């Protein structure tokens, strides 16, 4: 899991959700792909997806329930989860800030 990216273009304007409780910035890689790098503060949030995504947890921890699944799974730094396109997930962060890298995957 890489947390350093070379030769990227970054969007200075932040993506701000849930009254500033989730904040990310988009980076564009040389190959045309994009990622978001962000923080999730304590709380419970639901996100919808258009394209498939991979969420890599790089600091902190969270509990995730994918749409349509009855199971909540805990993820810690160094782990990841994948979310199908046209779906969503609920993420719960307790007692910390969860830092992540979201990669937008090919369908």
N, C-alpha and C. Protein backbone atom coordinates (compact mmCIF):
# COMPACT_ATOMS: atom_id res chain seq x y z
N UNK A 1 0.85 -1.17 0.00
CA UNK A 1 0.00 0.00 0.00
C UNK A 1 0.90 1.24 0.00
N UNK A 2 0.88 1.96 -1.08
CA UNK A 2 1.71 3.16 -1.20
C UNK A 2 0.97 4.38 -0.64
N UNK A 3 1.70 5.18 0.13
CA UNK A 3 1.11 6.42 0.64
C UNK A 3 1.82 7.65 0.10
N UNK A 4 2.72 7.43 -0.86
CA UNK A 4 3.42 8.53 -1.52
C UNK A 4 3.20 8.41 -3.02
N UNK A 5 2.88 9.53 -3.65
CA UNK A 5 2.59 9.53 -5.08
C UNK A 5 3.43 10.60 -5.77
N UNK A 6 4.12 10.21 -6.85
CA UNK A 6 4.96 11.14 -7.60
C UNK A 6 4.24 11.55 -8.88
N UNK A 7 4.60 12.70 -9.39
CA UNK A 7 4.10 13.19 -10.68
C UNK A 7 2.56 13.20 -10.74
N UNK A 8 1.96 13.84 -9.77
CA UNK A 8 0.50 13.96 -9.73
C UNK A 8 0.10 15.43 -9.79
N UNK A 9 -1.13 15.65 -10.15
CA UNK A 9 -1.74 16.97 -10.07
C UNK A 9 -2.79 16.89 -8.97
N UNK A 10 -2.81 17.87 -8.09
CA UNK A 10 -3.76 17.86 -6.98
C UNK A 10 -4.77 18.98 -7.14
N UNK A 11 -6.01 18.69 -6.79
CA UNK A 11 -7.05 19.72 -6.74
C UNK A 11 -6.97 20.39 -5.37
N UNK A 12 -6.76 21.70 -5.37
CA UNK A 12 -6.66 22.44 -4.11
C UNK A 12 -8.00 22.52 -3.39
N UNK A 13 -9.09 22.55 -4.13
CA UNK A 13 -10.42 22.64 -3.54
C UNK A 13 -10.76 21.31 -2.88
N UNK A 14 -11.09 21.35 -1.60
CA UNK A 14 -11.41 20.14 -0.86
C UNK A 14 -12.80 19.62 -1.19
N UNK A 15 -12.97 18.32 -1.06
CA UNK A 15 -14.28 17.67 -1.08
C UNK A 15 -14.72 17.60 0.38
N UNK A 16 -15.76 18.31 0.74
CA UNK A 16 -16.19 18.39 2.14
C UNK A 16 -17.59 17.79 2.27
N UNK A 17 -17.72 16.83 3.18
CA UNK A 17 -18.98 16.13 3.39
C UNK A 17 -19.35 16.18 4.87
N UNK A 18 -20.64 16.03 5.14
CA UNK A 18 -21.13 15.91 6.51
C UNK A 18 -20.62 17.04 7.41
N UNK A 19 -20.85 18.27 6.96
CA UNK A 19 -20.48 19.47 7.75
C UNK A 19 -19.01 19.47 8.15
N UNK A 20 -18.14 19.00 7.26
CA UNK A 20 -16.71 19.03 7.52
C UNK A 20 -16.18 17.84 8.30
N UNK A 21 -17.01 16.85 8.56
CA UNK A 21 -16.58 15.67 9.32
C UNK A 21 -15.82 14.67 8.45
N UNK A 22 -15.96 14.82 7.12
CA UNK A 22 -15.21 14.01 6.15
C UNK A 22 -14.67 14.98 5.10
N UNK A 23 -13.34 14.97 4.92
CA UNK A 23 -12.70 15.92 4.01
C UNK A 23 -11.66 15.16 3.19
N UNK A 24 -11.65 15.41 1.88
CA UNK A 24 -10.64 14.78 1.03
C UNK A 24 -10.18 15.74 -0.06
N UNK A 25 -9.07 15.40 -0.67
CA UNK A 25 -8.54 16.11 -1.84
C UNK A 25 -8.32 15.08 -2.93
N UNK A 26 -8.58 15.49 -4.16
CA UNK A 26 -8.41 14.61 -5.31
C UNK A 26 -7.04 14.81 -5.92
N UNK A 27 -6.38 13.69 -6.26
CA UNK A 27 -5.14 13.75 -7.02
C UNK A 27 -5.37 13.01 -8.34
N UNK A 28 -4.69 13.50 -9.38
CA UNK A 28 -4.77 12.92 -10.72
C UNK A 28 -3.39 12.37 -11.06
N UNK A 29 -3.33 11.08 -11.38
CA UNK A 29 -2.06 10.43 -11.68
C UNK A 29 -1.75 10.53 -13.18
N UNK A 30 -0.49 10.30 -13.52
CA UNK A 30 -0.04 10.41 -14.92
C UNK A 30 -0.81 9.49 -15.86
N UNK A 31 -1.26 8.34 -15.37
CA UNK A 31 -1.96 7.39 -16.24
C UNK A 31 -3.43 7.76 -16.45
N UNK A 32 -3.85 8.90 -15.89
CA UNK A 32 -5.23 9.36 -16.05
C UNK A 32 -6.16 8.93 -14.94
N UNK A 33 -5.71 8.07 -14.06
CA UNK A 33 -6.54 7.65 -12.94
C UNK A 33 -6.55 8.74 -11.86
N UNK A 34 -7.49 8.59 -10.94
CA UNK A 34 -7.56 9.56 -9.85
C UNK A 34 -7.80 8.83 -8.54
N UNK A 35 -7.40 9.49 -7.47
CA UNK A 35 -7.59 9.00 -6.12
C UNK A 35 -8.01 10.17 -5.25
N UNK A 36 -8.63 9.86 -4.12
CA UNK A 36 -8.85 10.89 -3.12
C UNK A 36 -8.11 10.49 -1.86
N UNK A 37 -7.56 11.48 -1.19
CA UNK A 37 -6.82 11.30 0.06
C UNK A 37 -7.61 12.05 1.12
N UNK A 38 -8.02 11.37 2.19
CA UNK A 38 -8.91 12.06 3.11
C UNK A 38 -8.85 11.63 4.55
N UNK A 39 -9.65 12.37 5.33
CA UNK A 39 -9.82 12.17 6.77
C UNK A 39 -11.29 11.96 7.07
N UNK A 40 -11.57 11.05 7.98
CA UNK A 40 -12.93 10.86 8.47
C UNK A 40 -12.88 11.00 9.99
N UNK A 41 -13.59 12.00 10.49
CA UNK A 41 -13.64 12.22 11.93
C UNK A 41 -14.68 11.31 12.56
N UNK A 42 -14.63 11.21 13.87
CA UNK A 42 -15.55 10.36 14.62
C UNK A 42 -17.00 10.56 14.18
N UNK A 43 -17.71 9.44 13.94
CA UNK A 43 -19.11 9.51 13.55
C UNK A 43 -19.49 8.35 12.66
N UNK A 44 -20.73 8.40 12.18
CA UNK A 44 -21.26 7.38 11.26
C UNK A 44 -21.74 8.07 10.00
N UNK A 45 -21.33 7.55 8.84
CA UNK A 45 -21.61 8.19 7.56
C UNK A 45 -21.96 7.13 6.51
N UNK A 46 -22.83 7.50 5.58
CA UNK A 46 -23.14 6.61 4.47
C UNK A 46 -22.71 7.29 3.17
N UNK A 47 -22.02 6.52 2.32
CA UNK A 47 -21.58 7.01 1.02
C UNK A 47 -22.12 6.11 -0.07
N UNK A 48 -22.53 6.70 -1.17
CA UNK A 48 -22.90 5.96 -2.36
C UNK A 48 -21.73 5.96 -3.33
N UNK A 49 -21.68 4.95 -4.19
CA UNK A 49 -20.62 4.87 -5.19
C UNK A 49 -21.22 4.85 -6.59
N UNK A 50 -20.54 5.48 -7.51
CA UNK A 50 -20.88 5.36 -8.92
C UNK A 50 -20.02 4.26 -9.51
N UNK A 51 -18.70 4.47 -9.44
CA UNK A 51 -17.72 3.49 -9.93
C UNK A 51 -17.27 2.62 -8.77
N UNK A 52 -16.73 1.44 -9.06
CA UNK A 52 -16.14 0.62 -7.99
C UNK A 52 -14.99 1.39 -7.32
N UNK A 53 -14.83 1.19 -6.02
CA UNK A 53 -13.80 1.89 -5.26
C UNK A 53 -13.05 0.92 -4.36
N UNK A 54 -11.78 1.25 -4.10
CA UNK A 54 -11.00 0.58 -3.07
C UNK A 54 -10.64 1.62 -2.02
N UNK A 55 -11.01 1.36 -0.78
CA UNK A 55 -10.70 2.25 0.33
C UNK A 55 -9.56 1.61 1.14
N UNK A 56 -8.39 2.27 1.12
CA UNK A 56 -7.24 1.82 1.89
C UNK A 56 -7.17 2.65 3.16
N UNK A 57 -7.14 2.00 4.29
CA UNK A 57 -7.05 2.69 5.57
C UNK A 57 -5.57 2.85 5.90
N UNK A 58 -5.11 4.11 6.01
CA UNK A 58 -3.69 4.33 6.23
C UNK A 58 -3.37 4.78 7.66
N UNK A 59 -4.39 5.18 8.43
CA UNK A 59 -4.21 5.51 9.85
C UNK A 59 -5.56 5.42 10.53
N UNK A 60 -5.55 5.01 11.79
CA UNK A 60 -6.80 4.88 12.53
C UNK A 60 -7.50 3.59 12.19
N UNK A 61 -8.80 3.56 12.46
CA UNK A 61 -9.59 2.37 12.18
C UNK A 61 -11.04 2.77 11.94
N UNK A 62 -11.81 1.82 11.41
CA UNK A 62 -13.22 2.07 11.13
C UNK A 62 -13.95 0.74 11.04
N UNK A 63 -15.27 0.81 11.12
CA UNK A 63 -16.12 -0.34 10.90
C UNK A 63 -16.98 -0.04 9.69
N UNK A 64 -17.08 -0.99 8.77
CA UNK A 64 -17.76 -0.77 7.49
C UNK A 64 -18.82 -1.83 7.27
N UNK A 65 -19.99 -1.38 6.81
CA UNK A 65 -21.04 -2.29 6.37
C UNK A 65 -21.35 -1.94 4.92
N UNK A 66 -21.09 -2.87 4.02
CA UNK A 66 -21.40 -2.66 2.61
C UNK A 66 -22.91 -2.75 2.42
N UNK A 67 -23.46 -1.93 1.53
CA UNK A 67 -24.88 -2.01 1.23
C UNK A 67 -25.25 -3.44 0.86
N UNK A 68 -26.34 -3.93 1.41
CA UNK A 68 -26.81 -5.27 1.12
C UNK A 68 -26.19 -6.35 1.98
N UNK A 69 -25.23 -5.99 2.83
CA UNK A 69 -24.59 -6.97 3.70
C UNK A 69 -25.06 -6.75 5.14
N UNK A 70 -25.34 -7.82 5.86
CA UNK A 70 -25.72 -7.66 7.26
C UNK A 70 -24.52 -7.51 8.19
N UNK A 71 -23.31 -7.75 7.66
CA UNK A 71 -22.12 -7.81 8.49
C UNK A 71 -21.33 -6.51 8.49
N UNK A 72 -20.96 -6.06 9.68
CA UNK A 72 -20.04 -4.94 9.84
C UNK A 72 -18.64 -5.52 10.05
N UNK A 73 -17.66 -4.97 9.34
CA UNK A 73 -16.29 -5.48 9.40
C UNK A 73 -15.38 -4.35 9.84
N UNK A 74 -14.46 -4.64 10.76
CA UNK A 74 -13.52 -3.63 11.23
C UNK A 74 -12.26 -3.64 10.35
N UNK A 75 -11.79 -2.44 10.03
CA UNK A 75 -10.58 -2.27 9.24
C UNK A 75 -9.63 -1.35 10.00
N UNK A 76 -8.36 -1.74 10.03
CA UNK A 76 -7.33 -0.95 10.70
C UNK A 76 -6.31 -0.50 9.67
N UNK A 77 -5.41 0.38 10.08
CA UNK A 77 -4.36 0.87 9.19
C UNK A 77 -3.65 -0.31 8.54
N UNK A 78 -3.42 -0.20 7.24
CA UNK A 78 -2.75 -1.25 6.48
C UNK A 78 -3.71 -2.22 5.81
N UNK A 79 -5.02 -2.01 5.99
CA UNK A 79 -6.01 -2.89 5.37
C UNK A 79 -6.85 -2.08 4.37
N UNK A 80 -7.66 -2.80 3.59
CA UNK A 80 -8.53 -2.12 2.63
C UNK A 80 -9.83 -2.89 2.45
N UNK A 81 -10.80 -2.21 1.86
CA UNK A 81 -12.03 -2.87 1.45
C UNK A 81 -12.45 -2.33 0.10
N UNK A 82 -13.16 -3.16 -0.67
CA UNK A 82 -13.63 -2.78 -1.99
C UNK A 82 -15.14 -2.60 -1.96
N UNK A 83 -15.61 -1.60 -2.69
CA UNK A 83 -17.04 -1.31 -2.77
C UNK A 83 -17.44 -1.40 -4.24
N UNK A 84 -18.47 -2.19 -4.56
CA UNK A 84 -18.91 -2.28 -5.95
C UNK A 84 -19.45 -0.94 -6.46
N UNK A 85 -19.44 -0.79 -7.78
CA UNK A 85 -20.05 0.39 -8.39
C UNK A 85 -21.55 0.40 -8.18
N UNK A 86 -22.13 1.58 -8.23
CA UNK A 86 -23.58 1.75 -8.05
C UNK A 86 -24.06 1.06 -6.78
N UNK A 87 -23.33 1.27 -5.72
CA UNK A 87 -23.63 0.66 -4.43
C UNK A 87 -23.36 1.69 -3.34
N UNK A 88 -22.90 1.23 -2.20
CA UNK A 88 -22.57 2.16 -1.13
C UNK A 88 -22.11 1.42 0.10
N UNK A 89 -21.80 2.20 1.14
CA UNK A 89 -21.33 1.63 2.39
C UNK A 89 -21.57 2.62 3.52
N UNK A 90 -21.71 2.07 4.71
CA UNK A 90 -21.78 2.87 5.93
C UNK A 90 -20.48 2.67 6.67
N UNK A 91 -19.86 3.78 7.07
CA UNK A 91 -18.58 3.72 7.77
C UNK A 91 -18.74 4.39 9.13
N UNK A 92 -18.22 3.73 10.16
CA UNK A 92 -18.29 4.25 11.53
C UNK A 92 -16.85 4.39 12.03
N UNK A 93 -16.53 5.58 12.53
CA UNK A 93 -15.23 5.86 13.12
C UNK A 93 -15.46 6.22 14.58
N UNK A 94 -14.74 5.54 15.47
CA UNK A 94 -14.87 5.77 16.91
C UNK A 94 -13.51 6.12 17.49
N UNK A 95 -13.47 7.11 18.35
CA UNK A 95 -12.28 7.41 19.16
C UNK A 95 -11.01 7.73 18.38
N UNK A 96 -11.11 8.19 17.15
CA UNK A 96 -9.89 8.52 16.40
C UNK A 96 -10.28 9.27 15.13
N UNK A 97 -9.29 9.57 14.34
CA UNK A 97 -9.50 10.05 12.98
C UNK A 97 -9.02 8.93 12.07
N UNK A 98 -9.83 8.58 11.10
CA UNK A 98 -9.46 7.55 10.13
C UNK A 98 -8.95 8.25 8.87
N UNK A 99 -7.75 7.91 8.43
CA UNK A 99 -7.18 8.46 7.21
C UNK A 99 -7.24 7.40 6.12
N UNK A 100 -7.55 7.83 4.90
CA UNK A 100 -7.76 6.85 3.84
C UNK A 100 -7.26 7.36 2.49
N UNK A 101 -7.08 6.40 1.58
CA UNK A 101 -6.85 6.64 0.17
C UNK A 101 -7.95 5.90 -0.57
N UNK A 102 -8.72 6.61 -1.36
CA UNK A 102 -9.78 5.99 -2.16
C UNK A 102 -9.32 5.94 -3.61
N UNK A 103 -9.26 4.73 -4.17
CA UNK A 103 -8.90 4.54 -5.57
C UNK A 103 -10.17 4.19 -6.34
N UNK A 104 -10.34 4.80 -7.48
CA UNK A 104 -11.49 4.52 -8.33
C UNK A 104 -11.08 3.44 -9.32
N UNK A 105 -11.73 2.29 -9.25
CA UNK A 105 -11.33 1.10 -10.00
C UNK A 105 -12.09 1.00 -11.31
N UNK A 106 -11.54 0.22 -12.22
CA UNK A 106 -12.24 -0.06 -13.49
C UNK A 106 -13.43 -0.95 -13.21
N UNK A 107 -14.47 -0.72 -13.98
CA UNK A 107 -15.71 -1.52 -13.78
C UNK A 107 -15.52 -2.93 -14.24
